Amino acid sequence: MKTLDIIAAVLLVIGGLNWGLVGAADFDVVATLFGGGSAWSKLIYSLVGISALYQALQWKAIQQRWLAAPAGA
């Protein structure tokens, strides 16, 4: 599950940076790279949204896994 936690966190950082650029500079990196409204863009937006939902629903469990993990794991 720790791998899934990391993947979700990376997708949330990507989504957060993208939305930051949309808000600050009206520049959507995902749409620029994959085309606005393309299947790839929709997939990436969906994965970011699913990651956010996963993180929100698993917050306490994720904290416990990370606190219980041995150093260097």
PDB file of N, CA and C in Angstrom:
ATOM      1  N   MET A   1       0.819  -1.200   0.000  1.00  0.00           N
ATOM      2  CA  MET A   1       0.000   0.000   0.000  1.00  0.00           C
ATOM      3  C   MET A   1       0.859   1.258   0.000  1.00  0.00           C
ATOM      4  N   LYS A   2       2.064   1.154   0.532  1.00  0.00           N
ATOM      5  CA  LYS A   2       2.914   2.332   0.574  1.00  0.00           C
ATOM      6  C   LYS A   2       3.220   2.834  -0.841  1.00  0.00           C
ATOM      7  N   THR A   3       3.374   1.918  -1.791  1.00  0.00           N
ATOM      8  CA  THR A   3       3.613   2.312  -3.181  1.00  0.00           C
ATOM      9  C   THR A   3       2.420   3.089  -3.727  1.00  0.00           C
ATOM     10  N   LEU A   4       1.218   2.614  -3.426  1.00  0.00           N
ATOM     11  CA  LEU A   4       0.010   3.318  -3.867  1.00  0.00           C
ATOM     12  C   LEU A   4      -0.063   4.711  -3.238  1.00  0.00           C
ATOM     13  N   ASP A   5       0.343   4.816  -1.968  1.00  0.00           N
ATOM     14  CA  ASP A   5       0.382   6.117  -1.294  1.00  0.00           C
ATOM     15  C   ASP A   5       1.316   7.085  -2.034  1.00  0.00           C
ATOM     16  N   ILE A   6       2.461   6.588  -2.440  1.00  0.00           N
ATOM     17  CA  ILE A   6       3.447   7.430  -3.132  1.00  0.00           C
ATOM     18  C   ILE A   6       2.936   7.840  -4.508  1.00  0.00           C
ATOM     19  N   ILE A   7       2.341   6.900  -5.239  1.00  0.00           N
ATOM     20  CA  ILE A   7       1.784   7.221  -6.561  1.00  0.00           C
ATOM     21  C   ILE A   7       0.701   8.285  -6.424  1.00  0.00           C
ATOM     22  N   ALA A   8      -0.178   8.107  -5.443  1.00  0.00           N
ATOM     23  CA  ALA A   8      -1.247   9.088  -5.224  1.00  0.00           C
ATOM     24  C   ALA A   8      -0.663  10.446  -4.873  1.00  0.00           C
ATOM     25  N   ALA A   9       0.366  10.464  -4.032  1.00  0.00           N
ATOM     26  CA  ALA A   9       0.986  11.737  -3.642  1.00  0.00           C
ATOM     27  C   ALA A   9       1.629  12.429  -4.850  1.00  0.00           C
ATOM     28  N   VAL A  10       2.302  11.666  -5.688  1.00  0.00           N
ATOM     29  CA  VAL A  10       2.931  12.252  -6.888  1.00  0.00           C
ATOM     30  C   VAL A  10       1.865  12.839  -7.815  1.00  0.00           C
ATOM     31  N   LEU A  11       0.784  12.095  -8.022  1.00  0.00           N
ATOM     32  CA  LEU A  11      -0.301  12.609  -8.875  1.00  0.00           C
ATOM     33  C   LEU A  11      -0.925  13.868  -8.279  1.00  0.00           C
ATOM     34  N   LEU A  12      -1.034  13.938  -6.957  1.00  0.00           N
ATOM     35  CA  LEU A  12      -1.589  15.137  -6.332  1.00  0.00           C
ATOM     36  C   LEU A  12      -0.654  16.329  -6.474  1.00  0.00           C
ATOM     37  N   VAL A  13       0.643  16.085  -6.410  1.00  0.00           N
ATOM     38  CA  VAL A  13       1.599  17.183  -6.625  1.00  0.00           C
ATOM     39  C   VAL A  13       1.494  17.681  -8.066  1.00  0.00           C
ATOM     40  N   ILE A  14       1.428  16.759  -9.018  1.00  0.00           N
ATOM     41  CA  ILE A  14       1.277  17.147 -10.427  1.00  0.00           C
ATOM     42  C   ILE A  14       0.000  17.958 -10.611  1.00  0.00           C
ATOM     43  N   GLY A  15      -1.107  17.462 -10.048  1.00  0.00           N
ATOM     44  CA  GLY A  15      -2.373  18.184 -10.154  1.00  0.00           C
ATOM     45  C   GLY A  15      -2.330  19.541  -9.482  1.00  0.00           C
ATOM     46  N   GLY A  16      -1.707  19.590  -8.307  1.00  0.00           N
ATOM     47  CA  GLY A  16      -1.603  20.864  -7.593  1.00  0.00           C
ATOM     48  C   GLY A  16      -0.771  21.890  -8.353  1.00  0.00           C
ATOM     49  N   LEU A  17       0.351  21.450  -8.900  1.00  0.00           N
ATOM     50  CA  LEU A  17       1.183  22.366  -9.693  1.00  0.00           C
ATOM     51  C   LEU A  17       0.441  22.830 -10.938  1.00  0.00           C
ATOM     52  N   ASN A  18      -0.268  21.912 -11.575  1.00  0.00           N
ATOM     53  CA  ASN A  18      -1.030  22.282 -12.767  1.00  0.00           C
ATOM     54  C   ASN A  18      -2.087  23.328 -12.419  1.00  0.00           C
ATOM     55  N   TRP A  19      -2.861  23.085 -11.350  1.00  0.00           N
ATOM     56  CA  TRP A  19      -3.894  24.054 -10.958  1.00  0.00           C
ATOM     57  C   TRP A  19      -3.279  25.372 -10.504  1.00  0.00           C
ATOM     58  N   GLY A  20      -2.114  25.320  -9.886  1.00  0.00           N
ATOM     59  CA  GLY A  20      -1.419  26.566  -9.518  1.00  0.00           C
ATOM     60  C   GLY A  20      -1.072  27.386 -10.750  1.00  0.00           C
ATOM     61  N   LEU A  21      -0.591  26.712 -11.784  1.00  0.00           N
ATOM     62  CA  LEU A  21      -0.278  27.417 -13.029  1.00  0.00           C
ATOM     63  C   LEU A  21      -1.535  27.934 -13.726  1.00  0.00           C
ATOM     64  N   VAL A  22      -2.619  27.164 -13.640  1.00  0.00           N
ATOM     65  CA  VAL A  22      -3.882  27.629 -14.221  1.00  0.00           C
ATOM     66  C   VAL A  22      -4.328  28.900 -13.512  1.00  0.00           C
ATOM     67  N   GLY A  23      -4.247  28.903 -12.188  1.00  0.00           N
ATOM     68  CA  GLY A  23      -4.681  30.065 -11.423  1.00  0.00           C
ATOM     69  C   GLY A  23      -3.770  31.271 -11.574  1.00  0.00           C
ATOM     70  N   ALA A  24      -2.471  31.039 -11.591  1.00  0.00           N
ATOM     71  CA  ALA A  24      -1.512  32.144 -11.625  1.00  0.00           C
ATOM     72  C   ALA A  24      -1.249  32.669 -13.031  1.00  0.00           C
ATOM     73  N   ALA A  25      -1.223  31.790 -14.011  1.00  0.00           N
ATOM     74  CA  ALA A  25      -0.795  32.200 -15.347  1.00  0.00           C
ATOM     75  C   ALA A  25      -1.758  31.765 -16.449  1.00  0.00           C
ATOM     76  N   ASP A  26      -2.912  31.207 -16.083  1.00  0.00           N
ATOM     77  CA  ASP A  26      -3.880  30.725 -17.065  1.00  0.00           C
ATOM     78  C   ASP A  26      -3.216  29.766 -18.056  1.00  0.00           C
ATOM     79  N   PHE A  27      -2.355  28.874 -17.513  1.00  0.00           N
ATOM     80  CA  PHE A  27      -1.615  27.921 -18.342  1.00  0.00           C
ATOM     81  C   PHE A  27      -1.859  26.513 -17.820  1.00  0.00           C
ATOM     82  N   ASP A  28      -2.497  25.669 -18.607  1.00  0.00           N
ATOM     83  CA  ASP A  28      -2.803  24.291 -18.241  1.00  0.00           C
ATOM     84  C   ASP A  28      -1.775  23.376 -18.901  1.00  0.00           C
ATOM     85  N   VAL A  29      -0.832  22.879 -18.098  1.00  0.00           N
ATOM     86  CA  VAL A  29       0.248  22.045 -18.619  1.00  0.00           C
ATOM     87  C   VAL A  29      -0.300  20.753 -19.222  1.00  0.00           C
ATOM     88  N   VAL A  30      -1.240  20.120 -18.545  1.00  0.00           N
ATOM     89  CA  VAL A  30      -1.793  18.847 -19.034  1.00  0.00           C
ATOM     90  C   VAL A  30      -2.448  19.045 -20.400  1.00  0.00           C
ATOM     91  N   ALA A  31      -3.268  20.080 -20.527  1.00  0.00           N
ATOM     92  CA  ALA A  31      -3.926  20.351 -21.804  1.00  0.00           C
ATOM     93  C   ALA A  31      -2.909  20.702 -22.887  1.00  0.00           C
ATOM     94  N   THR A  32      -1.851  21.406 -22.509  1.00  0.00           N
ATOM     95  CA  THR A  32      -0.821  21.767 -23.477  1.00  0.00           C
ATOM     96  C   THR A  32      -0.073  20.531 -23.967  1.00  0.00           C
ATOM     97  N   LEU A  33       0.254  19.626 -23.054  1.00  0.00           N
ATOM     98  CA  LEU A  33       1.016  18.437 -23.424  1.00  0.00           C
ATOM     99  C   LEU A  33       0.183  17.384 -24.160  1.00  0.00           C
ATOM    100  N   PHE A  34      -1.077  17.230 -23.735  1.00  0.00           N
ATOM    101  CA  PHE A  34      -1.875  16.124 -24.255  1.00  0.00           C
ATOM    102  C   PHE A  34      -3.094  16.557 -25.054  1.00  0.00           C
ATOM    103  N   GLY A  35      -3.319  17.852 -25.153  1.00  0.00           N
ATOM    104  CA  GLY A  35      -4.468  18.364 -25.891  1.00  0.00           C
ATOM    105  C   GLY A  35      -5.669  18.540 -24.987  1.00  0.00           C
ATOM    106  N   GLY A  36      -6.264  19.712 -25.025  1.00  0.00           N
ATOM    107  CA  GLY A  36      -7.430  19.992 -24.204  1.00  0.00           C
ATOM    108  C   GLY A  36      -8.591  19.081 -24.580  1.00  0.00           C
ATOM    109  N   GLY A  37      -9.150  18.386 -23.606  1.00  0.00           N
ATOM    110  CA  GLY A  37     -10.284  17.518 -23.861  1.00  0.00           C
ATOM    111  C   GLY A  37      -9.945  16.185 -24.496  1.00  0.00           C
ATOM    112  N   SER A  38      -8.650  15.883 -24.670  1.00  0.00           N
ATOM    113  CA  SER A  38      -8.272  14.595 -25.271  1.00  0.00           C
ATOM    114  C   SER A  38      -8.485  13.470 -24.256  1.00  0.00           C
ATOM    115  N   ALA A  39      -8.467  12.260 -24.739  1.00  0.00           N
ATOM    116  CA  ALA A  39      -8.629  11.103 -23.856  1.00  0.00           C
ATOM    117  C   ALA A  39      -7.496  11.036 -22.832  1.00  0.00           C
ATOM    118  N   TRP A  40      -6.284  11.386 -23.252  1.00  0.00           N
ATOM    119  CA  TRP A  40      -5.142  11.371 -22.326  1.00  0.00           C
ATOM    120  C   TRP A  40      -5.307  12.410 -21.229  1.00  0.00           C
ATOM    121  N   SER A  41      -5.731  13.613 -21.600  1.00  0.00           N
ATOM    122  CA  SER A  41      -5.959  14.655 -20.597  1.00  0.00           C
ATOM    123  C   SER A  41      -7.027  14.226 -19.609  1.00  0.00           C
ATOM    124  N   LYS A  42      -8.115  13.675 -20.126  1.00  0.00           N
ATOM    125  CA  LYS A  42      -9.199  13.212 -19.250  1.00  0.00           C
ATOM    126  C   LYS A  42      -8.709  12.112 -18.319  1.00  0.00           C
ATOM    127  N   LEU A  43      -7.863  11.226 -18.829  1.00  0.00           N
ATOM    128  CA  LEU A  43      -7.307  10.161 -18.002  1.00  0.00           C
ATOM    129  C   LEU A  43      -6.460  10.744 -16.869  1.00  0.00           C
ATOM    130  N   ILE A  44      -5.596  11.688 -17.197  1.00  0.00           N
ATOM    131  CA  ILE A  44      -4.740  12.294 -16.181  1.00  0.00           C
ATOM    132  C   ILE A  44      -5.574  13.038 -15.148  1.00  0.00           C
ATOM    133  N   TYR A  45      -6.534  13.845 -15.594  1.00  0.00           N
ATOM    134  CA  TYR A  45      -7.409  14.558 -14.653  1.00  0.00           C
ATOM    135  C   TYR A  45      -8.168  13.567 -13.769  1.00  0.00           C
ATOM    136  N   SER A  46      -8.620  12.469 -14.351  1.00  0.00           N
ATOM    137  CA  SER A  46      -9.349  11.456 -13.576  1.00  0.00           C
ATOM    138  C   SER A  46      -8.446  10.791 -12.549  1.00  0.00           C
ATOM    139  N   LEU A  47      -7.220  10.467 -12.937  1.00  0.00           N
ATOM    140  CA  LEU A  47      -6.275   9.850 -11.999  1.00  0.00           C
ATOM    141  C   LEU A  47      -5.937  10.787 -10.848  1.00  0.00           C
ATOM    142  N   VAL A  48      -5.792  12.069 -11.141  1.00  0.00           N
ATOM    143  CA  VAL A  48      -5.535  13.055 -10.077  1.00  0.00           C
ATOM    144  C   VAL A  48      -6.736  13.116  -9.133  1.00  0.00           C
ATOM    145  N   GLY A  49      -7.932  13.127  -9.687  1.00  0.00           N
ATOM    146  CA  GLY A  49      -9.135  13.158  -8.858  1.00  0.00           C
ATOM    147  C   GLY A  49      -9.287  11.913  -8.014  1.00  0.00           C
ATOM    148  N   ILE A  50      -9.020  10.759  -8.592  1.00  0.00           N
ATOM    149  CA  ILE A  50      -9.083   9.502  -7.844  1.00  0.00           C
ATOM    150  C   ILE A  50      -8.027   9.489  -6.738  1.00  0.00           C
ATOM    151  N   SER A  51      -6.856  10.032  -7.029  1.00  0.00           N
ATOM    152  CA  SER A  51      -5.802  10.120  -6.020  1.00  0.00           C
ATOM    153  C   SER A  51      -6.227  10.993  -4.849  1.00  0.00           C
ATOM    154  N   ALA A  52      -6.879  12.096  -5.149  1.00  0.00           N
ATOM    155  CA  ALA A  52      -7.359  12.984  -4.093  1.00  0.00           C
ATOM    156  C   ALA A  52      -8.404  12.280  -3.230  1.00  0.00           C
ATOM    157  N   LEU A  53      -9.313  11.565  -3.866  1.00  0.00           N
ATOM    158  CA  LEU A  53     -10.331  10.828  -3.127  1.00  0.00           C
ATOM    159  C   LEU A  53      -9.685   9.744  -2.267  1.00  0.00           C
ATOM    160  N   TYR A  54      -8.728   9.021  -2.827  1.00  0.00           N
ATOM    161  CA  TYR A  54      -7.999   7.987  -2.085  1.00  0.00           C
ATOM    162  C   TYR A  54      -7.321   8.591  -0.859  1.00  0.00           C
ATOM    163  N   GLN A  55      -6.603   9.692  -1.067  1.00  0.00           N
ATOM    164  CA  GLN A  55      -5.895  10.325   0.050  1.00  0.00           C
ATOM    165  C   GLN A  55      -6.870  10.796   1.117  1.00  0.00           C
ATOM    166  N   ALA A  56      -7.983  11.367   0.714  1.00  0.00           N
ATOM    167  CA  ALA A  56      -8.965  11.870   1.672  1.00  0.00           C
ATOM    168  C   ALA A  56      -9.578  10.736   2.491  1.00  0.00           C
ATOM    169  N   LEU A  57      -9.903   9.623   1.830  1.00  0.00           N
ATOM    170  CA  LEU A  57     -10.542   8.514   2.526  1.00  0.00           C
ATOM    171  C   LEU A  57      -9.569   7.684   3.361  1.00  0.00           C
ATOM    172  N   GLN A  58      -8.300   7.714   2.997  1.00  0.00           N
ATOM    173  CA  GLN A  58      -7.298   6.879   3.670  1.00  0.00           C
ATOM    174  C   GLN A  58      -6.353   7.663   4.577  1.00  0.00           C
ATOM    175  N   TRP A  59      -6.657   8.894   4.868  1.00  0.00           N
ATOM    176  CA  TRP A  59      -5.717   9.767   5.568  1.00  0.00           C
ATOM    177  C   TRP A  59      -5.182   9.143   6.859  1.00  0.00           C
ATOM    178  N   LYS A  60      -6.056   8.691   7.737  1.00  0.00           N
ATOM    179  CA  LYS A  60      -5.617   8.114   9.016  1.00  0.00           C
ATOM    180  C   LYS A  60      -4.824   6.823   8.806  1.00  0.00           C
ATOM    181  N   ALA A  61      -5.288   5.973   7.916  1.00  0.00           N
ATOM    182  CA  ALA A  61      -4.587   4.718   7.652  1.00  0.00           C
ATOM    183  C   ALA A  61      -3.199   4.975   7.071  1.00  0.00           C
ATOM    184  N   ILE A  62      -3.086   5.963   6.206  1.00  0.00           N
ATOM    185  CA  ILE A  62      -1.785   6.311   5.618  1.00  0.00           C
ATOM    186  C   ILE A  62      -0.843   6.799   6.705  1.00  0.00           C
ATOM    187  N   GLN A  63      -1.332   7.651   7.590  1.00  0.00           N
ATOM    188  CA  GLN A  63      -0.495   8.148   8.688  1.00  0.00           C
ATOM    189  C   GLN A  63       0.010   6.994   9.539  1.00  0.00           C
ATOM    190  N   GLN A  64      -0.849   6.055   9.866  1.00  0.00           N
ATOM    191  CA  GLN A  64      -0.455   4.913  10.692  1.00  0.00           C
ATOM    192  C   GLN A  64       0.585   4.044   9.986  1.00  0.00           C
ATOM    193  N   ARG A  65       0.408   3.810   8.685  1.00  0.00           N
ATOM    194  CA  ARG A  65       1.389   3.004   7.943  1.00  0.00           C
ATOM    195  C   ARG A  65       2.743   3.679   7.937  1.00  0.00           C
ATOM    196  N   TRP A  66       2.771   4.981   7.741  1.00  0.00           N
ATOM    197  CA  TRP A  66       4.034   5.688   7.657  1.00  0.00           C
ATOM    198  C   TRP A  66       4.698   5.807   9.023  1.00  0.00           C
ATOM    199  N   LEU A  67       3.922   5.959  10.074  1.00  0.00           N
ATOM    200  CA  LEU A  67       4.485   6.030  11.416  1.00  0.00           C
ATOM    201  C   LEU A  67       5.012   4.673  11.871  1.00  0.00           C
ATOM    202  N   ALA A  68       4.384   3.611  11.441  1.00  0.00           N
ATOM    203  CA  ALA A  68       4.778   2.267  11.839  1.00  0.00           C
ATOM    204  C   ALA A  68       5.916   1.700  10.995  1.00  0.00           C
ATOM    205  N   ALA A  69       6.221   2.300   9.878  1.00  0.00           N
ATOM    206  CA  ALA A  69       7.251   1.771   8.980  1.00  0.00           C
ATOM    207  C   ALA A  69       8.629   1.944   9.611  1.00  0.00           C
ATOM    208  N   PRO A  70       9.473   0.919   9.524  1.00  0.00           N
ATOM    209  CA  PRO A  70      10.843   1.041  10.046  1.00  0.00           C
ATOM    210  C   PRO A  70      11.639   2.050   9.219  1.00  0.00           C
ATOM    211  N   ALA A  71      12.610   2.654   9.829  1.00  0.00           N
ATOM    212  CA  ALA A  71      13.463   3.641   9.151  1.00  0.00           C
ATOM    213  C   ALA A  71      14.124   3.007   7.938  1.00  0.00           C
ATOM    214  N   GLY A  72      14.135   3.741   6.832  1.00  0.00           N
ATOM    215  CA  GLY A  72      14.774   3.258   5.622  1.00  0.00           C
ATOM    216  C   GLY A  72      13.902   2.354   4.777  1.00  0.00           C
ATOM    217  N   ALA A  73      12.645   2.166   5.196  1.00  0.00           N
ATOM    218  CA  ALA A  73      11.748   1.293   4.432  1.00  0.00           C
ATOM    219  C   ALA A  73      11.115   2.004   3.281  1.00  0.00           C
TER     220      ALA A  73
END
